[in-house]
N, C-alpha and C. Protein backbone atom coordinates (compact mmCIF):
# COMPACT_ATOMS: atom_id res chain seq x y z
N MET A 1 -52.37 21.24 22.80
CA MET A 1 -51.53 20.44 24.11
C MET A 1 -50.28 19.60 23.98
N LYS A 2 -49.54 19.36 24.26
CA LYS A 2 -48.12 18.64 23.86
C LYS A 2 -47.44 18.14 25.74
N LEU A 3 -47.09 17.47 25.62
CA LEU A 3 -46.15 17.19 26.78
C LEU A 3 -44.46 17.50 25.97
N ASN A 4 -43.92 18.47 27.03
CA ASN A 4 -42.40 18.49 27.04
C ASN A 4 -41.34 17.80 28.00
N PHE A 5 -40.60 17.18 27.57
CA PHE A 5 -39.99 16.01 28.00
C PHE A 5 -38.22 15.64 27.28
N ASP A 6 -37.54 15.90 28.10
CA ASP A 6 -36.04 16.00 27.73
C ASP A 6 -35.36 14.46 28.10
N LYS A 7 -34.88 13.51 27.56
CA LYS A 7 -34.44 12.22 28.09
C LYS A 7 -33.02 12.68 29.07
N LYS A 8 -32.50 13.51 28.43
CA LYS A 8 -30.63 14.12 28.71
C LYS A 8 -31.05 14.32 29.95
N SER A 9 -32.06 14.85 30.53
CA SER A 9 -32.40 15.78 31.72
C SER A 9 -32.54 14.56 32.90
N LEU A 10 -32.53 13.47 32.64
CA LEU A 10 -33.14 12.27 34.16
C LEU A 10 -31.77 12.23 34.51
N GLU A 11 -32.34 12.14 35.78
CA GLU A 11 -31.31 11.70 36.76
C GLU A 11 -31.75 10.86 37.97
N ILE A 12 -31.13 9.84 38.86
CA ILE A 12 -31.84 9.21 39.86
C ILE A 12 -30.50 9.63 41.14
N SER A 13 -31.49 9.93 42.29
CA SER A 13 -31.24 10.39 43.33
C SER A 13 -30.64 8.87 44.32
N SER A 14 -30.12 9.13 44.94
CA SER A 14 -29.59 8.09 46.29
C SER A 14 -30.68 7.50 46.70
N ARG A 15 -32.00 8.06 46.52
CA ARG A 15 -33.19 7.35 47.03
C ARG A 15 -33.80 7.16 46.14
N LYS A 16 -33.14 6.95 45.12
CA LYS A 16 -34.22 6.66 43.18
C LYS A 16 -35.05 7.36 43.24
N VAL A 17 -34.92 8.45 43.38
CA VAL A 17 -35.96 9.46 42.88
C VAL A 17 -35.60 10.02 41.44
N ILE A 18 -36.57 9.80 40.65
CA ILE A 18 -35.59 10.10 39.36
C ILE A 18 -36.72 11.72 38.99
N THR A 19 -35.58 12.24 38.65
CA THR A 19 -36.17 14.06 38.39
C THR A 19 -35.41 13.95 36.84
N GLY A 20 -36.51 14.87 35.95
CA GLY A 20 -35.57 15.40 34.53
C GLY A 20 -37.19 16.63 34.34
N ILE A 21 -36.53 17.12 33.42
CA ILE A 21 -37.48 18.09 32.44
C ILE A 21 -39.22 17.82 32.06
N ILE A 22 -40.03 18.24 32.56
CA ILE A 22 -41.01 17.65 32.23
C ILE A 22 -42.31 19.02 32.35
N SER A 23 -43.13 19.53 31.19
CA SER A 23 -44.06 20.92 31.07
C SER A 23 -44.60 20.39 30.43
N ILE A 24 -45.83 20.96 30.23
CA ILE A 24 -46.78 21.25 28.91
C ILE A 24 -46.89 22.15 28.03
N GLU A 25 -46.92 21.34 26.60
CA GLU A 25 -46.70 22.76 25.71
C GLU A 25 -48.23 23.25 25.49
N VAL A 26 -48.33 24.30 26.20
CA VAL A 26 -49.99 24.94 25.97
C VAL A 26 -49.93 25.24 24.54
N TYR A 27 -49.54 25.88 23.39
CA TYR A 27 -49.30 26.08 22.09
C TYR A 27 -48.30 26.65 22.27
N ASN A 28 -47.88 26.47 20.85
CA ASN A 28 -46.97 27.28 20.27
C ASN A 28 -45.94 27.89 20.96
N ASP A 29 -44.53 27.07 21.55
CA ASP A 29 -43.48 27.54 22.30
C ASP A 29 -44.05 28.20 24.01
N VAL A 30 -45.35 27.93 24.05
CA VAL A 30 -46.02 28.69 25.49
C VAL A 30 -45.90 26.90 26.00
N PHE A 31 -45.28 27.18 27.27
CA PHE A 31 -45.11 26.01 28.26
C PHE A 31 -45.61 26.76 29.59
N PHE A 32 -46.20 25.20 30.15
CA PHE A 32 -46.72 25.34 31.73
C PHE A 32 -46.17 24.47 32.69
N PRO A 33 -45.45 24.56 33.47
CA PRO A 33 -45.03 25.72 34.58
C PRO A 33 -44.19 26.40 33.22
N GLU A 34 -43.36 25.90 33.30
CA GLU A 34 -42.19 26.81 32.05
C GLU A 34 -41.43 25.89 31.14
N GLU A 35 -40.64 26.30 30.37
CA GLU A 35 -39.91 24.99 29.45
C GLU A 35 -38.98 23.90 29.95
N PHE A 36 -38.61 24.41 31.00
CA PHE A 36 -37.47 23.82 31.62
C PHE A 36 -37.71 22.98 32.82
N TRP A 37 -39.30 22.97 33.25
CA TRP A 37 -39.28 22.64 34.45
C TRP A 37 -38.72 21.24 35.47
N ASN A 38 -38.60 21.01 35.79
CA ASN A 38 -37.59 19.77 36.58
C ASN A 38 -38.38 19.36 38.01
N ASP A 39 -38.67 18.13 37.74
CA ASP A 39 -39.80 17.12 38.72
C ASP A 39 -39.62 15.78 38.73
N SER A 40 -40.02 15.51 39.66
CA SER A 40 -40.20 13.97 40.21
C SER A 40 -40.71 13.37 38.62
N ILE A 41 -40.44 12.81 37.80
CA ILE A 41 -41.03 12.99 36.27
C ILE A 41 -41.36 11.79 36.20
N VAL A 42 -40.84 10.38 37.15
CA VAL A 42 -41.77 9.28 37.55
C VAL A 42 -43.02 9.70 38.36
N ILE A 43 -43.31 9.98 39.37
CA ILE A 43 -44.11 10.14 40.02
C ILE A 43 -45.18 11.14 39.61
N VAL A 44 -44.15 11.76 38.68
CA VAL A 44 -46.00 12.95 38.49
C VAL A 44 -46.38 11.95 37.23
N LEU A 45 -45.71 11.41 35.98
CA LEU A 45 -46.39 10.54 35.01
C LEU A 45 -47.37 9.17 35.39
N SER A 46 -46.81 8.84 36.41
CA SER A 46 -47.75 7.63 36.68
C SER A 46 -48.81 8.06 37.41
N SER A 47 -48.66 9.31 38.51
CA SER A 47 -50.36 10.06 38.84
C SER A 47 -51.09 10.65 37.98
N TRP A 48 -50.27 11.15 36.58
CA TRP A 48 -51.15 11.73 35.51
C TRP A 48 -51.71 10.60 34.55
N LEU A 49 -51.26 9.70 34.64
CA LEU A 49 -51.59 8.38 33.74
C LEU A 49 -53.01 7.92 34.96
N GLN A 50 -52.85 7.80 35.63
CA GLN A 50 -54.31 7.44 36.79
C GLN A 50 -55.05 8.32 36.53
N ASN A 51 -54.82 9.65 36.73
CA ASN A 51 -55.79 10.97 36.36
C ASN A 51 -56.42 10.82 35.06
N ALA A 52 -55.88 10.41 33.96
CA ALA A 52 -56.14 10.24 33.10
C ALA A 52 -57.25 9.12 32.82
N SER A 53 -56.84 7.88 33.05
CA SER A 53 -57.58 6.89 33.53
C SER A 53 -58.58 6.95 33.92
N SER A 54 -59.19 7.92 35.12
CA SER A 54 -60.26 8.37 35.67
C SER A 54 -61.02 9.37 34.64
N PHE A 55 -60.54 9.58 33.70
CA PHE A 55 -60.84 10.91 32.99
C PHE A 55 -62.02 9.63 31.78
N LEU A 56 -61.07 9.17 31.52
CA LEU A 56 -61.68 8.42 30.33
C LEU A 56 -63.03 7.67 30.46
N GLU A 57 -62.38 7.08 32.03
CA GLU A 57 -63.58 6.42 32.70
C GLU A 57 -65.02 7.21 32.92
N LYS A 58 -64.71 8.64 32.50
CA LYS A 58 -66.21 9.03 32.60
C LYS A 58 -65.74 10.49 33.19
N ALA A 59 -65.10 10.18 34.66
CA ALA A 59 -65.23 11.62 35.75
C ALA A 59 -65.20 12.61 35.26
N SER A 60 -65.75 13.56 35.86
CA SER A 60 -66.15 15.14 35.23
C SER A 60 -65.20 16.25 35.27
N THR A 61 -64.15 15.87 36.33
CA THR A 61 -62.70 17.05 36.37
C THR A 61 -62.34 16.00 36.92
N VAL A 62 -61.02 16.36 36.56
CA VAL A 62 -59.34 15.79 37.16
C VAL A 62 -58.90 16.73 37.21
N THR A 63 -57.33 16.51 38.45
CA THR A 63 -56.59 17.49 38.38
C THR A 63 -55.34 16.82 38.38
N PHE A 64 -54.07 17.32 37.08
CA PHE A 64 -52.76 16.99 37.10
C PHE A 64 -51.74 18.08 37.87
N ALA A 65 -50.97 17.46 39.07
CA ALA A 65 -50.41 18.47 39.62
C ALA A 65 -48.67 18.15 39.35
N PHE A 66 -48.37 19.11 39.55
CA PHE A 66 -46.60 19.07 39.60
C PHE A 66 -46.37 18.85 40.72
N PHE A 67 -45.28 18.20 40.98
CA PHE A 67 -45.15 17.77 42.18
C PHE A 67 -44.27 18.77 43.24
N ASP A 68 -43.21 19.29 42.76
CA ASP A 68 -41.92 20.77 42.98
C ASP A 68 -42.99 21.90 42.64
N GLY A 69 -43.27 22.79 43.44
CA GLY A 69 -43.88 23.90 43.06
C GLY A 69 -45.68 23.88 43.51
N PRO A 70 -45.76 25.03 43.26
CA PRO A 70 -47.57 25.25 43.27
C PRO A 70 -47.81 24.76 42.25
N PHE A 71 -48.13 24.45 41.06
CA PHE A 71 -48.56 24.43 39.93
C PHE A 71 -49.33 22.92 39.61
N SER A 72 -50.48 23.32 38.93
CA SER A 72 -51.33 22.29 38.76
C SER A 72 -52.39 22.95 37.47
N PHE A 73 -53.12 21.83 36.97
CA PHE A 73 -54.23 21.95 35.91
C PHE A 73 -55.04 21.25 35.74
N THR A 74 -56.38 21.48 35.90
CA THR A 74 -57.67 20.38 35.52
C THR A 74 -58.28 20.42 34.00
N ILE A 75 -58.48 18.81 33.80
CA ILE A 75 -59.63 18.97 33.23
C ILE A 75 -60.57 18.59 33.28
N SER A 76 -61.76 19.37 32.66
CA SER A 76 -63.41 19.40 32.94
C SER A 76 -63.87 18.99 31.65
N ARG A 77 -65.25 18.15 31.52
CA ARG A 77 -65.83 18.31 30.01
C ARG A 77 -67.02 18.86 30.17
N LYS A 78 -67.10 19.52 29.13
CA LYS A 78 -68.40 20.73 29.95
C LYS A 78 -69.02 20.50 28.16
N GLU A 79 -70.05 20.23 28.39
CA GLU A 79 -71.20 20.95 26.64
C GLU A 79 -70.41 19.98 26.21
N GLY A 80 -69.28 18.88 25.88
CA GLY A 80 -68.70 18.27 24.89
C GLY A 80 -67.80 18.45 24.49
N LEU A 81 -66.87 19.32 25.44
CA LEU A 81 -65.59 20.56 24.84
C LEU A 81 -64.30 20.04 26.46
N ASP A 82 -63.66 19.53 25.91
CA ASP A 82 -62.24 19.13 27.24
C ASP A 82 -61.79 21.00 27.57
N ILE A 83 -61.95 21.06 28.41
CA ILE A 83 -61.90 22.54 29.29
C ILE A 83 -60.06 22.04 30.04
N ILE A 84 -59.35 22.65 29.80
CA ILE A 84 -58.03 22.76 30.68
C ILE A 84 -57.83 24.36 31.71
N ASP A 85 -57.80 23.79 32.65
CA ASP A 85 -57.60 25.03 33.16
C ASP A 85 -56.05 25.33 34.27
N LEU A 86 -55.43 25.88 33.92
CA LEU A 86 -54.27 26.14 34.30
C LEU A 86 -54.05 26.59 36.02
N PHE A 87 -53.43 26.42 37.09
CA PHE A 87 -53.45 27.09 38.24
C PHE A 87 -51.78 27.36 38.47
N ARG A 88 -51.71 28.04 39.47
CA ARG A 88 -50.65 27.99 40.25
C ARG A 88 -51.30 28.74 41.88
N ASN A 89 -50.95 28.24 42.80
CA ASN A 89 -50.89 28.52 44.07
C ASN A 89 -52.90 28.10 43.99
N ALA A 90 -53.27 27.23 43.50
CA ALA A 90 -54.87 27.01 43.20
C ALA A 90 -55.58 28.14 43.02
N LYS A 91 -54.97 29.60 42.36
CA LYS A 91 -55.90 30.59 41.32
C LYS A 91 -55.72 29.86 39.82
N SER A 92 -56.70 30.16 39.02
CA SER A 92 -56.74 29.86 38.06
C SER A 92 -55.99 30.79 37.27
N ILE A 93 -54.70 30.81 36.38
CA ILE A 93 -54.21 31.60 35.48
C ILE A 93 -55.01 31.79 33.85
N GLN A 94 -55.08 30.30 33.53
CA GLN A 94 -55.84 30.43 32.13
C GLN A 94 -56.31 29.84 31.86
N THR A 95 -57.41 29.71 31.15
CA THR A 95 -58.21 28.06 30.96
C THR A 95 -58.56 28.71 28.76
N TYR A 96 -58.45 27.09 28.54
CA TYR A 96 -58.51 26.83 27.03
C TYR A 96 -59.50 25.69 26.62
N ASN A 97 -59.53 24.99 25.59
CA ASN A 97 -60.35 23.84 24.98
C ASN A 97 -58.89 23.27 24.25
N ALA A 98 -59.29 22.09 24.57
CA ALA A 98 -57.94 21.37 24.37
C ALA A 98 -58.65 20.13 24.06
N ASP A 99 -58.33 18.94 23.23
CA ASP A 99 -58.55 17.56 23.08
C ASP A 99 -57.82 17.27 24.19
N PHE A 100 -58.70 16.28 24.98
CA PHE A 100 -57.96 15.33 25.63
C PHE A 100 -57.74 14.27 25.50
N LYS A 101 -57.78 13.34 24.21
CA LYS A 101 -57.54 12.37 23.70
C LYS A 101 -56.23 12.31 23.41
N LYS A 102 -55.99 13.53 22.68
CA LYS A 102 -54.54 13.66 22.50
C LYS A 102 -53.34 14.00 23.36
N PHE A 103 -53.97 14.78 24.14
CA PHE A 103 -53.18 14.72 25.60
C PHE A 103 -52.97 13.41 26.15
N ALA A 104 -53.61 12.59 26.24
CA ALA A 104 -54.00 11.29 26.78
C ALA A 104 -53.01 9.99 25.96
N HIS A 105 -52.63 10.40 24.42
CA HIS A 105 -51.95 10.11 23.54
C HIS A 105 -50.09 10.40 23.47
N GLU A 106 -50.27 11.85 24.16
CA GLU A 106 -49.19 12.33 24.75
C GLU A 106 -48.52 11.95 25.72
N LEU A 107 -49.29 11.80 26.77
CA LEU A 107 -49.04 11.31 27.94
C LEU A 107 -48.30 9.88 27.90
N ILE A 108 -48.92 8.86 27.06
CA ILE A 108 -48.91 7.52 27.31
C ILE A 108 -47.58 7.63 26.16
N LYS A 109 -47.13 8.16 25.15
CA LYS A 109 -45.64 8.14 24.41
C LYS A 109 -44.31 8.80 25.21
N THR A 110 -44.99 9.80 26.14
CA THR A 110 -44.10 10.41 27.21
C THR A 110 -43.59 9.13 27.95
N SER A 111 -44.63 8.91 28.57
CA SER A 111 -44.42 7.40 29.63
C SER A 111 -43.37 6.30 28.98
N LYS A 112 -43.81 6.08 27.39
CA LYS A 112 -43.02 4.39 27.19
C LYS A 112 -41.53 5.61 26.96
N ASN A 113 -41.12 6.70 26.56
CA ASN A 113 -40.38 6.98 26.33
C ASN A 113 -39.31 7.02 27.80
N VAL A 114 -39.84 7.46 28.81
CA VAL A 114 -39.47 7.93 30.01
C VAL A 114 -38.88 6.28 30.41
N LEU A 115 -39.77 5.29 30.24
CA LEU A 115 -39.36 4.04 30.99
C LEU A 115 -38.24 3.29 29.64
N GLN A 116 -38.36 3.56 28.40
CA GLN A 116 -37.44 3.19 27.83
C GLN A 116 -36.05 3.95 28.18
N GLU A 117 -36.08 4.83 28.34
CA GLU A 117 -35.20 5.61 28.94
C GLU A 117 -33.99 4.77 30.29
N ILE A 118 -35.18 4.77 30.98
CA ILE A 118 -34.93 4.34 32.38
C ILE A 118 -34.05 2.97 32.52
N ASN A 119 -35.00 2.25 31.52
CA ASN A 119 -34.31 0.69 31.12
C ASN A 119 -32.95 1.08 30.54
N VAL A 120 -32.47 1.55 29.44
CA VAL A 120 -31.52 1.63 29.12
C VAL A 120 -30.28 2.13 29.81
N ARG A 121 -30.50 2.57 30.96
CA ARG A 121 -29.92 2.98 32.49
C ARG A 121 -30.07 2.12 32.88
N GLY A 122 -30.74 1.55 33.09
CA GLY A 122 -30.47 0.00 34.38
C GLY A 122 -30.88 0.39 35.35
N TRP A 123 -32.09 1.28 35.59
CA TRP A 123 -32.51 1.91 37.06
C TRP A 123 -33.62 1.13 37.40
N GLU A 124 -33.86 0.95 38.74
CA GLU A 124 -35.00 0.50 39.41
C GLU A 124 -35.53 0.38 40.15
N SER A 125 -36.87 0.93 40.64
CA SER A 125 -37.48 1.58 42.00
C SER A 125 -38.56 0.93 41.87
N ASP A 126 -39.07 1.08 43.55
CA ASP A 126 -40.72 0.84 43.25
C ASP A 126 -41.85 1.82 42.69
N ASP A 127 -40.93 3.35 42.28
CA ASP A 127 -41.48 4.17 41.58
C ASP A 127 -41.97 3.54 39.82
N ILE A 128 -40.87 3.30 39.34
CA ILE A 128 -40.48 2.43 37.85
C ILE A 128 -41.57 1.74 37.88
N ASP A 129 -41.84 0.95 39.24
CA ASP A 129 -42.48 -0.10 38.75
C ASP A 129 -44.39 0.51 38.70
N LYS A 130 -44.54 1.18 39.55
CA LYS A 130 -45.84 1.69 39.66
C LYS A 130 -46.17 2.67 38.36
N LEU A 131 -45.13 3.33 37.72
CA LEU A 131 -45.60 3.67 36.04
C LEU A 131 -45.76 2.96 35.46
N LYS A 132 -45.09 1.51 35.46
CA LYS A 132 -45.31 0.69 34.74
C LYS A 132 -46.66 0.46 34.54
N SER A 133 -47.58 0.10 35.95
CA SER A 133 -48.98 -0.61 35.87
C SER A 133 -49.70 0.83 35.88
N SER A 134 -49.61 1.77 35.99
CA SER A 134 -50.31 2.87 35.38
C SER A 134 -50.15 2.92 34.24
N LEU A 135 -49.16 2.99 33.23
CA LEU A 135 -49.18 3.34 31.63
C LEU A 135 -49.87 2.09 31.43
N LYS A 136 -50.12 0.59 31.88
CA LYS A 136 -50.75 -0.45 31.29
C LYS A 136 -52.51 -0.30 31.96
N SER A 137 -52.65 0.43 32.67
CA SER A 137 -54.17 0.61 33.21
C SER A 137 -54.72 1.37 32.27
N CYS A 138 -53.98 2.67 31.93
CA CYS A 138 -54.00 3.54 31.04
C CYS A 138 -54.35 3.25 29.29
N LEU A 139 -53.88 2.51 28.95
CA LEU A 139 -53.81 2.06 27.64
C LEU A 139 -54.94 0.94 27.12
N ILE A 140 -55.54 0.06 28.76
CA ILE A 140 -56.48 -0.26 28.28
C ILE A 140 -57.77 0.40 28.23
N LEU A 141 -57.65 1.84 28.29
CA LEU A 141 -58.85 2.67 28.23
C LEU A 141 -59.07 3.42 27.07
N ILE A 142 -57.49 3.18 26.08
CA ILE A 142 -57.69 4.42 25.00
C ILE A 142 -57.82 3.63 23.66
C-alpha cells in the first residue's frame, strides 16, 4: 500500500486551506478512493499521522478518513496481521492484508514532501503547523 500524491496539484484557498491530490494505491494501479482524489491534504495528513501514532502505540483499530466525500479506511491488527478495510458511506467495500509499518513510512515520506513543497511556495497556516507537530510525534514512534 502506497500513498499517491502530486505536488503540482497543491493549491491554497483564501482561507488558507491547502488542497491537493491524495489517495492510496492499494495495489498495482488500483487507487482508493480514486487516483486523482483531491482533498484537504494538510488536514488529511495531519489526521492520518495522529492515527498512525495511536496504532503504533498499540491501538487495536484506527480509522483514516478522507475529508471530502464518504471515504475512509481502517487498519486493525488481528493475530499478528495488519488488516486494511476500505469504506464508502460507512460500508466495507474491500478488505486485505497490508504492512502497516510500510504504510507509516509512506505517510511520513509524503508528509515531508508536502511540507517541503509548501515551504518552497512560502505558505503558512495553523494547519501547516499542526502537520509539522503531528509528523514529529509520529517520527518518535517509528
